[in-house]
Amino acid sequence: MVAALSPSRASDFMQCPLLYRFRVIDKLPEPPSPAAARGTLVHSVLERIFDVEAPQRTLEHALSLVPHAWEDMLADQPELAELAGGTPHDLATWLRDAEKLVEKWFDLENPQHLEPAERELYVEADLDGLTLRGYIDRLDVAPGGQIRVVDYKTGRSPSELFEGKALFQMKFYALVIWRTRGVMPLMLQLVYLGNSQFVRYQPDEDDLRALERKITALWRAIERAAQTGDWRPRRSFLCGWCDHKALCPAWGGTPPPLPDNAGVLALDPHSSADLGDVDGD
């Protein structure tokens, strides 16, 4: 068994160990989220726009990709159709909402002037026996070798209170890049389409060394929970958005019995295929 951790699962455990258990061990179903589905749709369009030559990367072309990307999503997950409503008008409104986010991106960045080195890049690195892994939306590499890590968010930029969670994800990716390529990313860039804002951060070695220590301590806590079966809930205002509140002891619920192989499921990278983050964040 090879231990592995993604930024989304690390965030789950930091938010609530029981949420980590519900998602990674119990694999409890969660209803499709309109925000997440719309985020996935927009991400797909922003990835596909770079399939054509720079002069063709126009807003008109990007908007033409929206219905095709949606059809591809439905081919993989037909249940998503209910999110768009039951009438042609509902579908048109759904697609138009996605188009508005694409338009906002064009106000922020001009893809005709960008040549990403990588898109939807799977990355992994070893941290003293723990595999760090995930997907980066876009990696820009300048002629001089400087690296910019870019992540698209279709929600609004967070307040300072919540900015740390988003930066944790980006620093996580920066650490993986640093460990695998030996190059410290010059810039971490979050693109918030909901309110047309950038959040930028320049990491340094002290940042990433501190992150290594934090991830090591976090993984030790996950290992202890896996050994003891103690996946205790952590109440916060985020409980209001949890799909599993009815099963949470903090709210009067009862979790399902732990599977016999819960300890393995908690740590085995093959036990959970989800490496990414909710696009609608």
C-alpha atoms as a PDB file:
ATOM      1  CA  MET A   1       0.000   0.000   0.000  1.00  0.00           C
ATOM      2  CA  VAL A   2       1.275   3.465  -0.942  1.00  0.00           C
ATOM      3  CA  ALA A   3      -0.018   6.349   1.143  1.00  0.00           C
ATOM      4  CA  ALA A   4      -1.277   9.333  -0.865  1.00  0.00           C
ATOM      5  CA  LEU A   5      -2.930  12.678  -0.287  1.00  0.00           C
ATOM      6  CA  SER A   6      -4.519  15.285  -2.547  1.00  0.00           C
ATOM      7  CA  PRO A   7      -5.158  18.912  -1.573  1.00  0.00           C
ATOM      8  CA  SER A   8      -8.927  18.397  -1.583  1.00  0.00           C
ATOM      9  CA  ARG A   9      -8.716  15.455   0.792  1.00  0.00           C
ATOM     10  CA  ALA A  10      -6.255  17.288   3.029  1.00  0.00           C
ATOM     11  CA  SER A  11      -8.750  20.164   3.166  1.00  0.00           C
ATOM     12  CA  ASP A  12     -11.561  17.735   3.996  1.00  0.00           C
ATOM     13  CA  PHE A  13      -9.663  16.401   7.010  1.00  0.00           C
ATOM     14  CA  MET A  14      -8.687  19.857   8.225  1.00  0.00           C
ATOM     15  CA  GLN A  15     -12.315  20.964   7.941  1.00  0.00           C
ATOM     16  CA  CYS A  16     -13.755  17.829   9.596  1.00  0.00           C
ATOM     17  CA  PRO A  17     -12.210  14.362  10.068  1.00  0.00           C
ATOM     18  CA  LEU A  18     -15.669  12.800   9.822  1.00  0.00           C
ATOM     19  CA  LEU A  19     -16.186  14.430   6.417  1.00  0.00           C
ATOM     20  CA  TYR A  20     -12.906  12.832   5.297  1.00  0.00           C
ATOM     21  CA  ARG A  21     -14.209   9.479   6.497  1.00  0.00           C
ATOM     22  CA  PHE A  22     -17.576   9.883   4.756  1.00  0.00           C
ATOM     23  CA  ARG A  23     -15.925  10.751   1.439  1.00  0.00           C
ATOM     24  CA  VAL A  24     -12.834   8.537   1.430  1.00  0.00           C
ATOM     25  CA  ILE A  25     -13.837   5.475   3.464  1.00  0.00           C
ATOM     26  CA  ASP A  26     -17.629   5.274   3.247  1.00  0.00           C
ATOM     27  CA  LYS A  27     -17.752   6.919  -0.209  1.00  0.00           C
ATOM     28  CA  LEU A  28     -21.207   8.229   0.590  1.00  0.00           C
ATOM     29  CA  PRO A  29     -22.990   9.616  -2.473  1.00  0.00           C
ATOM     30  CA  GLU A  30     -23.403  13.363  -2.745  1.00  0.00           C
ATOM     31  CA  PRO A  31     -26.013  14.945  -5.011  1.00  0.00           C
ATOM     32  CA  PRO A  32     -24.635  16.728  -8.065  1.00  0.00           C
ATOM     33  CA  SER A  33     -23.926  20.356  -7.283  1.00  0.00           C
ATOM     34  CA  PRO A  34     -25.050  22.932  -9.854  1.00  0.00           C
ATOM     35  CA  ALA A  35     -22.053  25.115  -8.970  1.00  0.00           C
ATOM     36  CA  ALA A  36     -19.615  22.228  -9.340  1.00  0.00           C
ATOM     37  CA  ALA A  37     -21.162  21.070 -12.630  1.00  0.00           C
ATOM     38  CA  ARG A  38     -21.068  24.584 -14.043  1.00  0.00           C
ATOM     39  CA  GLY A  39     -17.476  24.868 -12.874  1.00  0.00           C
ATOM     40  CA  THR A  40     -16.530  21.646 -14.629  1.00  0.00           C
ATOM     41  CA  LEU A  41     -18.205  22.885 -17.796  1.00  0.00           C
ATOM     42  CA  VAL A  42     -16.315  26.182 -17.747  1.00  0.00           C
ATOM     43  CA  HIS A  43     -13.031  24.440 -16.921  1.00  0.00           C
ATOM     44  CA  SER A  44     -13.512  22.206 -19.951  1.00  0.00           C
ATOM     45  CA  VAL A  45     -14.043  25.195 -22.230  1.00  0.00           C
ATOM     46  CA  LEU A  46     -10.992  27.025 -20.861  1.00  0.00           C
ATOM     47  CA  GLU A  47      -8.919  23.924 -21.464  1.00  0.00           C
ATOM     48  CA  ARG A  48     -10.232  23.319 -25.005  1.00  0.00           C
ATOM     49  CA  ILE A  49      -9.711  26.891 -26.167  1.00  0.00           C
ATOM     50  CA  PHE A  50      -5.984  26.141 -26.374  1.00  0.00           C
ATOM     51  CA  ASP A  51      -6.548  23.261 -28.797  1.00  0.00           C
ATOM     52  CA  VAL A  52      -6.624  25.794 -31.643  1.00  0.00           C
ATOM     53  CA  GLU A  53      -3.972  28.202 -32.872  1.00  0.00           C
ATOM     54  CA  ALA A  54      -3.666  31.551 -31.101  1.00  0.00           C
ATOM     55  CA  PRO A  55      -5.523  33.675 -33.720  1.00  0.00           C
ATOM     56  CA  GLN A  56      -8.559  31.368 -33.401  1.00  0.00           C
ATOM     57  CA  ARG A  57      -8.781  31.732 -29.609  1.00  0.00           C
ATOM     58  CA  THR A  58     -11.592  34.233 -29.750  1.00  0.00           C
ATOM     59  CA  LEU A  59     -14.542  34.710 -27.444  1.00  0.00           C
ATOM     60  CA  GLU A  60     -16.847  33.571 -30.224  1.00  0.00           C
ATOM     61  CA  HIS A  61     -14.962  30.301 -30.561  1.00  0.00           C
ATOM     62  CA  ALA A  62     -14.937  29.769 -26.810  1.00  0.00           C
ATOM     63  CA  LEU A  63     -18.695  30.286 -26.593  1.00  0.00           C
ATOM     64  CA  SER A  64     -19.214  27.791 -29.404  1.00  0.00           C
ATOM     65  CA  LEU A  65     -17.444  25.199 -27.242  1.00  0.00           C
ATOM     66  CA  VAL A  66     -19.913  25.490 -24.358  1.00  0.00           C
ATOM     67  CA  PRO A  67     -22.753  23.296 -25.737  1.00  0.00           C
ATOM     68  CA  HIS A  68     -20.294  20.680 -27.015  1.00  0.00           C
ATOM     69  CA  ALA A  69     -18.544  20.477 -23.644  1.00  0.00           C
ATOM     70  CA  TRP A  70     -21.948  20.139 -21.945  1.00  0.00           C
ATOM     71  CA  GLU A  71     -22.945  17.303 -24.285  1.00  0.00           C
ATOM     72  CA  ASP A  72     -19.699  15.500 -23.467  1.00  0.00           C
ATOM     73  CA  MET A  73     -20.409  15.875 -19.741  1.00  0.00           C
ATOM     74  CA  LEU A  74     -23.905  14.433 -20.200  1.00  0.00           C
ATOM     75  CA  ALA A  75     -22.493  11.483 -22.144  1.00  0.00           C
ATOM     76  CA  ASP A  76     -20.394  10.610 -19.079  1.00  0.00           C
ATOM     77  CA  GLN A  77     -22.974  11.602 -16.438  1.00  0.00           C
ATOM     78  CA  PRO A  78     -26.533  11.683 -17.835  1.00  0.00           C
ATOM     79  CA  GLU A  79     -27.887  12.517 -14.376  1.00  0.00           C
ATOM     80  CA  LEU A  80     -26.441  16.026 -14.719  1.00  0.00           C
ATOM     81  CA  ALA A  81     -29.214  16.868 -17.192  1.00  0.00           C
ATOM     82  CA  GLU A  82     -31.631  17.552 -14.338  1.00  0.00           C
ATOM     83  CA  LEU A  83     -29.416  20.424 -13.180  1.00  0.00           C
ATOM     84  CA  ALA A  84     -30.191  22.305 -16.397  1.00  0.00           C
ATOM     85  CA  GLY A  85     -33.960  22.026 -15.928  1.00  0.00           C
ATOM     86  CA  GLY A  86     -36.618  20.355 -18.017  1.00  0.00           C
ATOM     87  CA  THR A  87     -37.322  22.863 -20.794  1.00  0.00           C
ATOM     88  CA  PRO A  88     -35.308  24.311 -23.687  1.00  0.00           C
ATOM     89  CA  HIS A  89     -35.529  27.692 -21.962  1.00  0.00           C
ATOM     90  CA  ASP A  90     -34.049  26.226 -18.774  1.00  0.00           C
ATOM     91  CA  LEU A  91     -31.187  24.689 -20.757  1.00  0.00           C
ATOM     92  CA  ALA A  92     -30.516  27.950 -22.586  1.00  0.00           C
ATOM     93  CA  THR A  93     -30.381  29.771 -19.243  1.00  0.00           C
ATOM     94  CA  TRP A  94     -28.019  27.128 -17.811  1.00  0.00           C
ATOM     95  CA  LEU A  95     -25.649  27.395 -20.760  1.00  0.00           C
ATOM     96  CA  ARG A  96     -25.859  31.188 -20.745  1.00  0.00           C
ATOM     97  CA  ASP A  97     -24.744  31.266 -17.110  1.00  0.00           C
ATOM     98  CA  ALA A  98     -21.660  29.264 -18.105  1.00  0.00           C
ATOM     99  CA  GLU A  99     -21.053  31.549 -21.084  1.00  0.00           C
ATOM    100  CA  LYS A 100     -21.059  34.598 -18.792  1.00  0.00           C
ATOM    101  CA  LEU A 101     -18.210  33.075 -16.795  1.00  0.00           C
ATOM    102  CA  VAL A 102     -16.255  32.396 -19.983  1.00  0.00           C
ATOM    103  CA  GLU A 103     -16.801  36.021 -21.002  1.00  0.00           C
ATOM    104  CA  LYS A 104     -15.451  37.180 -17.648  1.00  0.00           C
ATOM    105  CA  TRP A 105     -12.323  35.126 -18.220  1.00  0.00           C
ATOM    106  CA  PHE A 106     -11.730  36.888 -21.527  1.00  0.00           C
ATOM    107  CA  ASP A 107     -11.938  40.190 -19.650  1.00  0.00           C
ATOM    108  CA  LEU A 108      -9.148  38.986 -17.362  1.00  0.00           C
ATOM    109  CA  GLU A 109      -6.845  37.067 -19.703  1.00  0.00           C
ATOM    110  CA  ASN A 110      -6.291  36.990 -23.454  1.00  0.00           C
ATOM    111  CA  PRO A 111      -5.690  33.391 -24.579  1.00  0.00           C
ATOM    112  CA  GLN A 112      -4.201  34.650 -27.826  1.00  0.00           C
ATOM    113  CA  HIS A 113      -1.233  35.837 -25.741  1.00  0.00           C
ATOM    114  CA  LEU A 114      -0.911  32.663 -23.670  1.00  0.00           C
ATOM    115  CA  GLU A 115       0.821  29.407 -24.529  1.00  0.00           C
ATOM    116  CA  PRO A 116       0.344  27.064 -21.557  1.00  0.00           C
ATOM    117  CA  ALA A 117       3.052  24.472 -21.091  1.00  0.00           C
ATOM    118  CA  GLU A 118       0.485  22.126 -19.536  1.00  0.00           C
ATOM    119  CA  ARG A 119      -3.275  21.918 -19.052  1.00  0.00           C
ATOM    120  CA  GLU A 120      -5.074  19.625 -16.592  1.00  0.00           C
ATOM    121  CA  LEU A 121      -1.651  18.406 -15.535  1.00  0.00           C
ATOM    122  CA  TYR A 122      -1.509  15.416 -13.195  1.00  0.00           C
ATOM    123  CA  VAL A 123       1.327  15.861 -10.713  1.00  0.00           C
ATOM    124  CA  GLU A 124       2.688  13.758  -7.901  1.00  0.00           C
ATOM    125  CA  ALA A 125       5.709  13.830  -5.645  1.00  0.00           C
ATOM    126  CA  ASP A 126       7.064  11.799  -2.758  1.00  0.00           C
ATOM    127  CA  LEU A 127       7.224  13.405   0.680  1.00  0.00           C
ATOM    128  CA  ASP A 128       9.075  10.945   2.887  1.00  0.00           C
ATOM    129  CA  GLY A 129       6.926   8.012   1.785  1.00  0.00           C
ATOM    130  CA  LEU A 130       3.703   9.987   1.307  1.00  0.00           C
ATOM    131  CA  THR A 131       2.611  10.578  -2.293  1.00  0.00           C
ATOM    132  CA  LEU A 132       1.289  14.088  -2.891  1.00  0.00           C
ATOM    133  CA  ARG A 133      -0.895  14.215  -5.988  1.00  0.00           C
ATOM    134  CA  GLY A 134      -3.444  16.296  -7.825  1.00  0.00           C
ATOM    135  CA  TYR A 135      -4.364  18.095 -11.028  1.00  0.00           C
ATOM    136  CA  ILE A 136      -3.237  21.602 -11.963  1.00  0.00           C
ATOM    137  CA  ASP A 137      -5.560  23.563 -14.269  1.00  0.00           C
ATOM    138  CA  ARG A 138      -2.782  25.355 -16.127  1.00  0.00           C
ATOM    139  CA  LEU A 139       0.970  25.599 -15.954  1.00  0.00           C
ATOM    140  CA  ASP A 140       2.671  28.534 -17.678  1.00  0.00           C
ATOM    141  CA  VAL A 141       6.428  28.377 -18.246  1.00  0.00           C
ATOM    142  CA  ALA A 142       8.266  31.509 -19.405  1.00  0.00           C
ATOM    143  CA  PRO A 143      11.213  31.324 -21.848  1.00  0.00           C
ATOM    144  CA  GLY A 144      13.536  31.845 -18.887  1.00  0.00           C
ATOM    145  CA  GLY A 145      12.056  28.844 -17.082  1.00  0.00           C
ATOM    146  CA  GLN A 146       9.920  30.749 -14.553  1.00  0.00           C
ATOM    147  CA  ILE A 147       6.766  28.829 -13.649  1.00  0.00           C
ATOM    148  CA  ARG A 148       3.281  30.152 -12.961  1.00  0.00           C
ATOM    149  CA  VAL A 149       0.676  27.803 -11.485  1.00  0.00           C
ATOM    150  CA  VAL A 150      -2.860  28.810 -12.478  1.00  0.00           C
ATOM    151  CA  ASP A 151      -6.159  27.582 -11.055  1.00  0.00           C
ATOM    152  CA  TYR A 152      -9.622  28.639 -12.221  1.00  0.00           C
ATOM    153  CA  LYS A 153     -12.427  29.172  -9.726  1.00  0.00           C
ATOM    154  CA  THR A 154     -15.934  29.885 -10.952  1.00  0.00           C
ATOM    155  CA  GLY A 155     -17.068  31.272  -7.614  1.00  0.00           C
ATOM    156  CA  ARG A 156     -16.206  34.603  -6.046  1.00  0.00           C
ATOM    157  CA  SER A 157     -12.868  35.403  -4.451  1.00  0.00           C
ATOM    158  CA  PRO A 158     -12.913  34.586  -0.735  1.00  0.00           C
ATOM    159  CA  SER A 159     -12.568  36.956   2.156  1.00  0.00           C
ATOM    160  CA  GLU A 160      -9.277  36.964   4.026  1.00  0.00           C
ATOM    161  CA  LEU A 161     -10.851  34.487   6.462  1.00  0.00           C
ATOM    162  CA  PHE A 162     -11.144  31.830   3.731  1.00  0.00           C
ATOM    163  CA  GLU A 163      -8.273  32.795   1.454  1.00  0.00           C
ATOM    164  CA  GLY A 164      -5.943  30.470   3.338  1.00  0.00           C
ATOM    165  CA  LYS A 165      -7.795  27.357   2.137  1.00  0.00           C
ATOM    166  CA  ALA A 166      -7.400  28.349  -1.509  1.00  0.00           C
ATOM    167  CA  LEU A 167      -3.746  29.238  -1.020  1.00  0.00           C
ATOM    168  CA  PHE A 168      -3.163  25.905   0.741  1.00  0.00           C
ATOM    169  CA  GLN A 169      -4.178  24.151  -2.470  1.00  0.00           C
ATOM    170  CA  MET A 170      -1.868  26.315  -4.569  1.00  0.00           C
ATOM    171  CA  LYS A 171       1.071  25.952  -2.184  1.00  0.00           C
ATOM    172  CA  PHE A 172       0.467  22.203  -2.265  1.00  0.00           C
ATOM    173  CA  TYR A 173       0.885  22.263  -6.051  1.00  0.00           C
ATOM    174  CA  ALA A 174       3.921  24.522  -5.748  1.00  0.00           C
ATOM    175  CA  LEU A 175       5.509  22.024  -3.379  1.00  0.00           C
ATOM    176  CA  VAL A 176       4.910  19.173  -5.821  1.00  0.00           C
ATOM    177  CA  ILE A 177       6.403  21.194  -8.692  1.00  0.00           C
ATOM    178  CA  TRP A 178       9.403  22.164  -6.572  1.00  0.00           C
ATOM    179  CA  ARG A 179      10.027  18.581  -5.519  1.00  0.00           C
ATOM    180  CA  THR A 180       9.671  17.110  -9.013  1.00  0.00           C
ATOM    181  CA  ARG A 181      11.236  19.824 -11.179  1.00  0.00           C
ATOM    182  CA  GLY A 182      13.611  21.459  -8.748  1.00  0.00           C
ATOM    183  CA  VAL A 183      12.160  24.868  -9.634  1.00  0.00           C
ATOM    184  CA  MET A 184      10.283  27.109  -7.230  1.00  0.00           C
ATOM    185  CA  PRO A 185       7.170  28.467  -8.984  1.00  0.00           C
ATOM    186  CA  LEU A 186       7.471  32.215  -9.338  1.00  0.00           C
ATOM    187  CA  MET A 187       3.733  32.848  -9.097  1.00  0.00           C
ATOM    188  CA  LEU A 188       0.604  31.099  -7.839  1.00  0.00           C
ATOM    189  CA  GLN A 189      -2.454  32.587  -9.523  1.00  0.00           C
ATOM    190  CA  LEU A 190      -6.084  31.953  -8.662  1.00  0.00           C
ATOM    191  CA  VAL A 191      -8.549  33.274 -11.235  1.00  0.00           C
ATOM    192  CA  TYR A 192     -11.956  33.944  -9.664  1.00  0.00           C
ATOM    193  CA  LEU A 193     -14.505  34.310 -12.427  1.00  0.00           C
ATOM    194  CA  GLY A 194     -17.464  34.951 -10.133  1.00  0.00           C
ATOM    195  CA  ASN A 195     -16.305  38.485  -9.430  1.00  0.00           C
ATOM    196  CA  SER A 196     -13.472  38.840 -11.962  1.00  0.00           C
ATOM    197  CA  GLN A 197     -10.619  38.874  -9.473  1.00  0.00           C
ATOM    198  CA  PHE A 198      -7.081  37.508  -9.320  1.00  0.00           C
ATOM    199  CA  VAL A 199      -5.504  36.255  -6.123  1.00  0.00           C
ATOM    200  CA  ARG A 200      -1.744  36.023  -6.599  1.00  0.00           C
ATOM    201  CA  TYR A 201       0.947  34.741  -4.281  1.00  0.00           C
ATOM    202  CA  GLN A 202       4.702  34.351  -4.621  1.00  0.00           C
ATOM    203  CA  PRO A 203       5.907  31.371  -2.586  1.00  0.00           C
ATOM    204  CA  ASP A 204       9.374  31.029  -1.126  1.00  0.00           C
ATOM    205  CA  GLU A 205      11.375  28.178   0.361  1.00  0.00           C
ATOM    206  CA  ASP A 206      10.279  28.978   3.916  1.00  0.00           C
ATOM    207  CA  ASP A 207       6.638  28.745   2.811  1.00  0.00           C
ATOM    208  CA  LEU A 208       7.055  25.335   1.273  1.00  0.00           C
ATOM    209  CA  ARG A 209       9.201  23.962   4.093  1.00  0.00           C
ATOM    210  CA  ALA A 210       6.452  25.000   6.507  1.00  0.00           C
ATOM    211  CA  LEU A 211       3.873  23.342   4.263  1.00  0.00           C
ATOM    212  CA  GLU A 212       5.888  20.121   4.270  1.00  0.00           C
ATOM    213  CA  ARG A 213       5.793  20.097   8.066  1.00  0.00           C
ATOM    214  CA  LYS A 214       2.067  20.830   8.073  1.00  0.00           C
ATOM    215  CA  ILE A 215       1.294  18.028   5.608  1.00  0.00           C
ATOM    216  CA  THR A 216       3.463  15.572   7.566  1.00  0.00           C
ATOM    217  CA  ALA A 217       1.621  16.405  10.787  1.00  0.00           C
ATOM    218  CA  LEU A 218      -1.726  16.199   9.002  1.00  0.00           C
ATOM    219  CA  TRP A 219      -0.918  12.773   7.588  1.00  0.00           C
ATOM    220  CA  ARG A 220       0.110  11.504  11.001  1.00  0.00           C
ATOM    221  CA  ALA A 221      -3.290  12.603  12.302  1.00  0.00           C
ATOM    222  CA  ILE A 222      -5.005  10.754   9.435  1.00  0.00           C
ATOM    223  CA  GLU A 223      -2.957   7.632  10.196  1.00  0.00           C
ATOM    224  CA  ARG A 224      -3.947   7.814  13.876  1.00  0.00           C
ATOM    225  CA  ALA A 225      -7.607   8.122  12.937  1.00  0.00           C
ATOM    226  CA  ALA A 226      -7.246   5.171  10.551  1.00  0.00           C
ATOM    227  CA  GLN A 227      -5.700   3.048  13.311  1.00  0.00           C
ATOM    228  CA  THR A 228      -8.173   3.996  16.047  1.00  0.00           C
ATOM    229  CA  GLY A 229     -11.320   4.494  13.991  1.00  0.00           C
ATOM    230  CA  ASP A 230     -11.764   7.857  15.702  1.00  0.00           C
ATOM    231  CA  TRP A 231     -13.128  10.089  12.930  1.00  0.00           C
ATOM    232  CA  ARG A 232     -14.660  12.733  15.136  1.00  0.00           C
ATOM    233  CA  PRO A 233     -16.725  15.576  13.682  1.00  0.00           C
ATOM    234  CA  ARG A 234     -15.638  19.192  13.856  1.00  0.00           C
ATOM    235  CA  ARG A 235     -18.546  21.616  13.998  1.00  0.00           C
ATOM    236  CA  SER A 236     -18.322  24.877  12.095  1.00  0.00           C
ATOM    237  CA  PHE A 237     -20.534  27.139  10.023  1.00  0.00           C
ATOM    238  CA  LEU A 238     -19.547  24.943   7.045  1.00  0.00           C
ATOM    239  CA  CYS A 239     -21.794  22.225   8.463  1.00  0.00           C
ATOM    240  CA  GLY A 240     -24.688  24.038   6.826  1.00  0.00           C
ATOM    241  CA  TRP A 241     -23.373  23.012   3.415  1.00  0.00           C
ATOM    242  CA  CYS A 242     -22.567  19.392   4.324  1.00  0.00           C
ATOM    243  CA  ASP A 243     -24.510  16.674   2.495  1.00  0.00           C
ATOM    244  CA  HIS A 244     -24.043  14.282   5.422  1.00  0.00           C
ATOM    245  CA  LYS A 245     -25.291  16.393   8.315  1.00  0.00           C
ATOM    246  CA  ALA A 246     -28.078  13.909   9.069  1.00  0.00           C
ATOM    247  CA  LEU A 247     -25.466  11.205   9.788  1.00  0.00           C
ATOM    248  CA  CYS A 248     -23.261  13.400  11.962  1.00  0.00           C
ATOM    249  CA  PRO A 249     -23.208  12.830  15.747  1.00  0.00           C
ATOM    250  CA  ALA A 250     -22.603  16.554  16.259  1.00  0.00           C
ATOM    251  CA  TRP A 251     -26.111  17.074  14.867  1.00  0.00           C
ATOM    252  CA  GLY A 252     -27.835  14.084  16.437  1.00  0.00           C
ATOM    253  CA  GLY A 253     -27.112  11.627  13.642  1.00  0.00           C
ATOM    254  CA  THR A 254     -25.486   8.200  13.577  1.00  0.00           C
ATOM    255  CA  PRO A 255     -22.737   7.342  11.068  1.00  0.00           C
ATOM    256  CA  PRO A 256     -22.885   3.995   9.272  1.00  0.00           C
ATOM    257  CA  PRO A 257     -20.703   1.200  10.696  1.00  0.00           C
ATOM    258  CA  LEU A 258     -17.074   1.442   9.623  1.00  0.00           C
ATOM    259  CA  PRO A 259     -16.162  -1.047   6.869  1.00  0.00           C
ATOM    260  CA  ASP A 260     -13.883  -3.903   7.916  1.00  0.00           C
ATOM    261  CA  ASN A 261     -11.073  -2.488   5.774  1.00  0.00           C
ATOM    262  CA  ALA A 262     -11.599   1.132   6.850  1.00  0.00           C
ATOM    263  CA  GLY A 263      -7.951   1.572   7.837  1.00  0.00           C
ATOM    264  CA  VAL A 264      -6.770   0.556   4.383  1.00  0.00           C
ATOM    265  CA  LEU A 265      -9.405   2.635   2.606  1.00  0.00           C
ATOM    266  CA  ALA A 266      -8.340   5.716   4.576  1.00  0.00           C
ATOM    267  CA  LEU A 267      -4.749   5.534   3.351  1.00  0.00           C
ATOM    268  CA  ASP A 268      -4.724   3.629   0.059  1.00  0.00           C
ATOM    269  CA  PRO A 269      -4.490   5.961  -2.963  1.00  0.00           C
ATOM    270  CA  HIS A 270      -6.508   3.505  -5.057  1.00  0.00           C
ATOM    271  CA  SER A 271      -9.402   3.649  -2.615  1.00  0.00           C
ATOM    272  CA  SER A 272     -10.474   7.114  -3.762  1.00  0.00           C
ATOM    273  CA  ALA A 273     -10.287   8.257  -7.368  1.00  0.00           C
ATOM    274  CA  ASP A 274     -11.087  11.892  -6.602  1.00  0.00           C
ATOM    275  CA  LEU A 275      -7.944  14.007  -6.913  1.00  0.00           C
ATOM    276  CA  GLY A 276      -9.435  17.333  -7.678  1.00  0.00           C
ATOM    277  CA  ASP A 277     -11.361  20.135  -6.052  1.00  0.00           C
ATOM    278  CA  VAL A 278     -14.817  21.399  -6.482  1.00  0.00           C
ATOM    279  CA  ASP A 279     -14.758  23.654  -9.516  1.00  0.00           C
ATOM    280  CA  GLY A 280     -17.473  25.860  -8.143  1.00  0.00           C
ATOM    281  CA  ASP A 281     -15.374  26.980  -5.186  1.00  0.00           C
END
